[in-house]
Amino acid sequence: LDLHEICSDWITESGRQKCQTECSMAECCSLPATNKNSCWEEQAEECATYRAACMALELHSGDESSGGSGSSGALGSKTILYAPPSNLPILCSSAALETPGGFDNCANVCRPSRCCFPDMFDCNLADDRYCEDYQDLCASVAESWRGSGHAVAPSSSTTTSSSGGTTSTSNQNPAIANEVMKKCNAANLNPPSECIEACRQGACCYVSSSYLPIEQIFESYYGAGAKNPMQTAVTCASSVGFCQQYGSCEHLNHMKDVAGWNSDEFNYVVDVSTPCKAEHIAQFGALQCSNVCQPAHCCFSGEYACDDVQLGHLN
């Protein structure tokens, strides 16, 4: 069993059942240390592996759609893909994807089109005639749990649908996740102003009661008044798909100034090691590590290329 593939098919009923069954064996890993049944301290390595693999289940634990095989949101083995609504270009426009509600609306309409790729997901279409009509507009909301939490839409790609035809796409709407990664990758944080601006729309994903470093950075950049989106945003962290567009904003929580005490200049580097330590993942889950590593997902993914996010030097 490849643990990293446990929840890779989260959007289908069979995939969700498999994820729940396998991940239930490591339930003790997500219990607080004060619980007598907790095991993450004694088995940090094993728990880190499971919590990384089971991230989809954890993130959707409060969602009704994380239930059993008849639950809403999960795709059956045989799915019907209807003709796309005439307003799909509006539903999935760049402007719509900038809000949690808009993102969810687009994702819900697009989800059945994932069955156009039965080699990736355990579902098939009764009729695949509409696959190409969905492909381009739905690229930015295509769920994936293969290592990065959420797919990053390619700016251009060549893919094969279940009909066997090869289709070249050119995404009309540059994916928000791509744009955030361009601004927030480790090579573009000195200064971090472009990253801060790119993360503005996703501020609601990071609002907390603990005054995280990203909140401090926003206050320093925007001030403490109404211009600071952290001051007015209501948390939207439960909007998993929307927030994964802004996953690379996690860099702002893990920057270290290595310029030295005698320097008047900042020299920021990203501390990847802390959120990705086995002990940290075992205790807090894998989301922070996944977000910090999101730009480098292109090194391992077949879903998009590093050149799509201006990180071709990582190849």
Protein backbone atom coordinates (compact mmCIF):
# COMPACT_ATOMS: atom_id res chain seq x y z
CA LEU A 1 0.00 0.00 0.00
CA ASP A 2 1.38 3.41 -1.01
CA LEU A 3 0.34 5.63 1.89
CA HIS A 4 0.77 8.77 -0.21
CA GLU A 5 -1.98 7.57 -2.55
CA ILE A 6 -4.53 6.82 0.21
CA CYS A 7 -6.60 9.95 -0.36
CA SER A 8 -5.53 10.88 -3.89
CA ASP A 9 -9.00 9.93 -5.17
CA TRP A 10 -10.85 11.90 -2.50
CA ILE A 11 -13.51 13.29 -4.85
CA THR A 12 -15.07 9.88 -5.68
CA GLU A 13 -17.22 7.74 -3.40
CA SER A 14 -14.92 4.72 -3.62
CA GLY A 15 -11.82 6.86 -3.12
CA ARG A 16 -13.34 8.56 -0.12
CA GLN A 17 -14.27 5.24 1.48
CA LYS A 18 -10.72 3.95 0.96
CA CYS A 19 -9.29 7.12 2.48
CA GLN A 20 -11.52 6.87 5.55
CA THR A 21 -10.85 3.17 6.06
CA GLU A 22 -7.07 3.42 5.86
CA CYS A 23 -6.77 6.67 7.80
CA SER A 24 -8.95 5.43 10.66
CA MET A 25 -6.10 3.13 11.65
CA ALA A 26 -4.05 6.19 12.61
CA GLU A 27 -6.79 8.06 14.46
CA CYS A 28 -4.64 8.25 17.59
CA CYS A 29 -2.18 10.47 15.70
CA SER A 30 -4.58 13.40 15.56
CA LEU A 31 -5.55 13.31 19.23
CA PRO A 32 -4.05 15.94 21.56
CA ALA A 33 -1.20 14.84 23.82
CA THR A 34 -3.50 15.28 26.84
CA ASN A 35 -5.69 12.43 25.53
CA LYS A 36 -4.57 9.09 26.96
CA ASN A 37 -5.09 7.45 23.55
CA SER A 38 -2.82 9.92 21.74
CA CYS A 39 0.19 8.36 20.03
CA TRP A 40 1.86 11.12 18.03
CA GLU A 41 4.66 11.73 20.57
CA GLU A 42 5.76 8.09 20.69
CA GLN A 43 5.25 7.42 16.97
CA ALA A 44 6.07 10.76 15.36
CA GLU A 45 7.52 9.34 12.13
CA GLU A 46 4.59 7.00 11.50
CA CYS A 47 2.04 9.65 12.46
CA ALA A 48 3.65 12.24 10.20
CA THR A 49 3.39 9.83 7.26
CA TYR A 50 -0.27 9.15 7.93
CA ARG A 51 -1.24 12.76 8.63
CA ALA A 52 0.38 13.86 5.36
CA ALA A 53 -1.38 11.11 3.42
CA CYS A 54 -4.71 11.73 5.16
CA MET A 55 -4.70 15.51 4.80
CA ALA A 56 -7.84 15.55 2.62
CA LEU A 57 -9.83 13.75 5.30
CA GLU A 58 -8.54 16.04 8.06
CA LEU A 59 -9.26 19.24 6.15
CA HIS A 60 -12.80 18.12 5.38
CA SER A 61 -13.51 16.65 8.82
CA GLY A 62 -16.13 19.29 9.56
CA ASP A 63 -17.71 19.05 6.14
CA GLU A 64 -20.93 17.09 5.63
CA SER A 65 -19.50 15.83 2.37
CA SER A 66 -16.79 13.91 4.23
CA GLY A 67 -19.29 11.27 5.18
CA GLY A 68 -19.85 7.84 3.69
CA SER A 69 -20.43 6.65 0.20
CA GLY A 70 -23.77 8.33 -0.37
CA SER A 71 -22.61 11.76 0.72
CA SER A 72 -22.99 14.89 -1.31
CA GLY A 73 -20.01 16.10 -3.28
CA ALA A 74 -18.51 12.66 -3.93
CA LEU A 75 -18.71 11.29 -7.46
CA GLY A 76 -20.17 7.86 -8.16
CA SER A 77 -18.49 5.23 -10.32
CA LYS A 78 -20.80 6.25 -13.16
CA THR A 79 -21.31 9.99 -13.42
CA ILE A 80 -23.39 12.11 -15.78
CA LEU A 81 -21.73 15.18 -17.24
CA TYR A 82 -24.37 17.55 -18.51
CA ALA A 83 -23.79 20.26 -21.07
CA PRO A 84 -22.01 23.18 -19.38
CA PRO A 85 -24.23 26.05 -18.30
CA SER A 86 -24.12 29.06 -20.58
CA ASN A 87 -22.75 31.20 -17.73
CA LEU A 88 -19.78 28.90 -17.00
CA PRO A 89 -17.29 31.55 -18.20
CA ILE A 90 -18.74 33.91 -15.59
CA LEU A 91 -19.01 31.27 -12.85
CA CYS A 92 -15.34 30.37 -13.31
CA SER A 93 -13.92 33.78 -14.18
CA SER A 94 -10.88 35.14 -12.40
CA ALA A 95 -13.12 37.57 -10.50
CA ALA A 96 -15.39 34.75 -9.29
CA LEU A 97 -12.48 32.68 -8.02
CA GLU A 98 -11.33 35.57 -5.82
CA THR A 99 -14.07 34.84 -3.27
CA PRO A 100 -14.73 31.63 -1.31
CA GLY A 101 -18.34 31.46 -2.50
CA GLY A 102 -17.39 32.08 -6.10
CA PHE A 103 -14.70 29.43 -6.00
CA ASP A 104 -17.08 26.86 -4.51
CA ASN A 105 -19.76 27.61 -7.12
CA CYS A 106 -17.30 27.02 -9.95
CA ALA A 107 -15.84 23.90 -8.30
CA ASN A 108 -19.25 22.33 -7.76
CA VAL A 109 -20.26 22.80 -11.39
CA CYS A 110 -16.90 21.55 -12.64
CA ARG A 111 -16.43 18.55 -10.36
CA PRO A 112 -18.19 15.93 -12.58
CA SER A 113 -15.81 16.82 -15.40
CA ARG A 114 -12.98 15.23 -13.42
CA CYS A 115 -14.41 11.90 -14.58
CA CYS A 116 -13.12 12.79 -18.03
CA PHE A 117 -9.86 11.35 -16.65
CA PRO A 118 -10.71 7.84 -15.42
CA ASP A 119 -7.02 6.97 -15.20
CA MET A 120 -6.74 9.47 -12.33
CA PHE A 121 -10.14 9.06 -10.66
CA ASP A 122 -12.31 6.00 -10.07
CA CYS A 123 -15.28 7.24 -12.05
CA ASN A 124 -16.48 7.07 -15.63
CA LEU A 125 -18.86 9.14 -17.69
CA ALA A 126 -21.92 7.75 -19.37
CA ASP A 127 -21.24 10.24 -22.15
CA ASP A 128 -18.01 12.23 -22.53
CA ARG A 129 -19.09 14.52 -25.37
CA TYR A 130 -18.87 17.64 -23.15
CA CYS A 131 -15.40 17.06 -21.67
CA GLU A 132 -13.63 19.58 -23.87
CA ASP A 133 -16.24 22.23 -23.08
CA TYR A 134 -15.33 22.08 -19.39
CA GLN A 135 -11.61 21.46 -19.59
CA ASP A 136 -10.19 24.95 -19.95
CA LEU A 137 -12.55 26.89 -17.70
CA CYS A 138 -12.41 24.27 -14.94
CA ALA A 139 -8.63 23.94 -14.84
CA SER A 140 -8.22 26.37 -11.94
CA VAL A 141 -10.53 24.45 -9.59
CA ALA A 142 -9.47 20.89 -10.38
CA GLU A 143 -9.11 19.10 -7.06
CA SER A 144 -6.03 17.00 -6.53
CA TRP A 145 -4.66 15.41 -3.36
CA ARG A 146 -1.45 14.12 -4.85
CA GLY A 147 0.98 15.86 -2.54
CA SER A 148 0.00 19.52 -2.75
CA GLY A 149 -3.49 19.75 -1.30
CA HIS A 150 -4.94 21.29 -4.41
CA ALA A 151 -4.08 21.24 -8.06
CA VAL A 152 -2.36 24.17 -9.71
CA ALA A 153 -3.78 24.90 -13.14
CA PRO A 154 -1.28 24.94 -15.98
CA SER A 155 -1.16 28.03 -18.14
CA SER A 156 -1.03 25.63 -21.08
CA SER A 157 -1.05 21.87 -21.30
CA THR A 158 -1.74 18.84 -23.43
CA THR A 159 -3.99 16.24 -21.88
CA THR A 160 -5.92 13.18 -22.97
CA SER A 161 -9.56 12.71 -22.04
CA SER A 162 -11.50 9.47 -21.78
CA SER A 163 -12.55 9.83 -25.41
CA GLY A 164 -8.93 9.17 -26.36
CA GLY A 165 -8.46 12.48 -28.13
CA THR A 166 -5.55 14.75 -27.31
CA THR A 167 -6.57 18.27 -26.53
CA SER A 168 -4.28 21.28 -26.23
CA THR A 169 -5.54 23.85 -23.78
CA SER A 170 -4.55 27.41 -23.04
CA ASN A 171 -6.04 28.55 -19.77
CA GLN A 172 -7.98 31.78 -20.31
CA ASN A 173 -7.84 32.65 -16.62
CA PRO A 174 -4.32 32.55 -15.16
CA ALA A 175 -4.73 30.42 -12.02
CA ILE A 176 -4.62 32.41 -8.81
CA ALA A 177 -2.40 29.72 -7.29
CA ASN A 178 0.10 30.18 -10.13
CA GLU A 179 0.21 33.93 -9.63
CA VAL A 180 0.64 33.60 -5.86
CA MET A 181 3.49 31.13 -6.33
CA LYS A 182 5.25 33.49 -8.71
CA LYS A 183 5.16 36.21 -6.07
CA CYS A 184 5.70 34.08 -2.96
CA ASN A 185 8.32 31.54 -3.92
CA ALA A 186 11.54 31.56 -1.92
CA ALA A 187 13.41 33.53 -4.59
CA ASN A 188 10.97 36.46 -4.50
CA LEU A 189 10.74 37.42 -0.83
CA ASN A 190 13.36 40.18 -0.70
CA PRO A 191 11.40 42.30 -0.22
CA PRO A 192 8.12 40.38 0.36
CA SER A 193 5.88 43.22 -0.83
CA GLU A 194 4.77 41.46 -4.03
CA CYS A 195 3.89 38.35 -2.04
CA ILE A 196 1.88 40.40 0.47
CA GLU A 197 -0.09 42.03 -2.35
CA ALA A 198 -0.70 38.66 -4.03
CA CYS A 199 -2.04 37.29 -0.74
CA ARG A 200 -4.41 40.18 -0.07
CA GLN A 201 -7.51 38.41 -1.42
CA GLY A 202 -6.66 35.33 0.61
CA ALA A 203 -6.25 37.13 3.93
CA CYS A 204 -9.36 35.44 5.29
CA CYS A 205 -7.54 32.09 5.07
CA TYR A 206 -4.98 33.20 7.65
CA VAL A 207 -7.00 35.26 10.11
CA SER A 208 -6.53 33.79 13.58
CA SER A 209 -6.74 34.56 17.27
CA SER A 210 -3.02 34.00 17.81
CA TYR A 211 -1.58 36.90 15.78
CA LEU A 212 0.45 34.79 13.37
CA PRO A 213 3.58 36.20 11.67
CA ILE A 214 1.62 36.77 8.45
CA GLU A 215 -0.83 38.95 10.40
CA GLN A 216 2.05 40.95 11.85
CA ILE A 217 3.56 41.41 8.38
CA PHE A 218 0.21 42.58 6.98
CA GLU A 219 -0.12 45.11 9.81
CA SER A 220 3.39 46.41 9.18
CA TYR A 221 2.69 46.72 5.44
CA TYR A 222 -0.91 48.01 5.43
CA GLY A 223 -1.13 49.58 8.88
CA ALA A 224 -3.61 48.75 11.63
CA GLY A 225 -6.59 50.49 10.02
CA ALA A 226 -9.29 49.52 7.57
CA LYS A 227 -6.80 49.23 4.69
CA ASN A 228 -5.42 46.11 6.32
CA PRO A 229 -7.49 43.16 5.00
CA MET A 230 -6.65 41.19 8.13
CA GLN A 231 -8.60 43.74 10.15
CA THR A 232 -11.83 43.32 8.22
CA ALA A 233 -11.70 39.71 6.96
CA VAL A 234 -13.81 36.98 8.51
CA THR A 235 -12.02 33.65 8.61
CA CYS A 236 -12.69 31.42 5.61
CA ALA A 237 -10.19 28.66 6.41
CA SER A 238 -12.96 26.08 6.04
CA SER A 239 -13.15 26.94 2.32
CA VAL A 240 -10.42 24.43 1.56
CA GLY A 241 -10.27 24.76 -2.21
CA PHE A 242 -10.32 28.55 -2.17
CA CYS A 243 -7.59 28.76 0.48
CA GLN A 244 -5.31 26.31 -1.29
CA GLN A 245 -5.02 28.90 -4.07
CA TYR A 246 -3.21 30.98 -1.44
CA GLY A 247 -1.20 28.12 0.02
CA SER A 248 2.13 29.73 -0.89
CA CYS A 249 1.23 32.68 1.35
CA GLU A 250 2.33 30.33 4.14
CA HIS A 251 5.86 31.51 3.30
CA LEU A 252 5.05 34.73 5.16
CA ASN A 253 4.60 32.66 8.34
CA HIS A 254 8.00 31.00 7.99
CA MET A 255 10.42 33.71 6.90
CA LYS A 256 13.73 34.14 8.72
CA ASP A 257 15.95 37.21 8.47
CA VAL A 258 19.52 35.97 8.08
CA ALA A 259 21.10 39.37 7.38
CA GLY A 260 22.64 39.63 10.84
CA TRP A 261 22.39 42.18 13.64
CA ASN A 262 24.71 44.71 12.00
CA SER A 263 22.81 44.92 8.74
CA ASP A 264 20.20 47.56 7.95
CA GLU A 265 18.80 45.38 5.19
CA PHE A 266 16.53 42.36 5.50
CA ASN A 267 17.58 39.09 3.89
CA TYR A 268 14.71 36.66 4.14
CA VAL A 269 14.92 32.93 3.62
CA VAL A 270 12.06 30.45 4.02
CA ASP A 271 12.31 28.07 6.94
CA VAL A 272 11.05 24.87 5.33
CA SER A 273 12.55 22.50 7.88
CA THR A 274 10.41 23.50 10.89
CA PRO A 275 6.90 22.96 9.46
CA CYS A 276 8.10 19.83 7.66
CA LYS A 277 9.70 18.08 10.62
CA ALA A 278 8.06 14.77 11.46
CA GLU A 279 7.31 15.97 14.99
CA HIS A 280 5.59 19.12 13.71
CA ILE A 281 3.47 17.25 11.16
CA ALA A 282 2.60 14.56 13.69
CA GLN A 283 1.34 17.20 16.14
CA PHE A 284 -0.20 19.84 13.86
CA GLY A 285 -0.90 18.07 10.58
CA ALA A 286 0.71 18.46 7.17
CA LEU A 287 -1.02 21.56 5.80
CA GLN A 288 1.71 24.07 6.72
CA CYS A 289 4.42 21.87 5.19
CA SER A 290 2.30 21.27 2.09
CA ASN A 291 1.74 25.00 1.65
CA VAL A 292 5.39 25.95 2.12
CA CYS A 293 6.40 23.28 -0.38
CA GLN A 294 3.64 24.16 -2.87
CA PRO A 295 5.89 25.96 -5.41
CA ALA A 296 8.22 22.95 -5.56
CA HIS A 297 5.31 20.60 -6.28
CA CYS A 298 6.06 21.22 -9.94
CA CYS A 299 9.25 19.20 -9.49
CA PHE A 300 7.23 16.04 -8.88
CA SER A 301 3.83 16.63 -10.48
CA GLY A 302 2.68 15.64 -13.92
CA GLU A 303 -0.21 18.11 -13.62
CA TYR A 304 1.80 21.22 -14.52
CA ALA A 305 5.35 22.28 -15.29
CA CYS A 306 7.65 24.51 -13.27
CA ASP A 307 7.77 26.89 -16.24
CA ASP A 308 4.03 27.51 -15.73
CA VAL A 309 4.79 29.27 -12.44
CA GLN A 310 8.08 30.85 -13.54
CA LEU A 311 10.09 28.29 -11.60
CA GLY A 312 11.72 26.60 -14.57
CA HIS A 313 15.08 26.76 -12.81
CA LEU A 314 13.81 24.05 -10.43
CA ASN A 315 13.61 21.47 -13.22
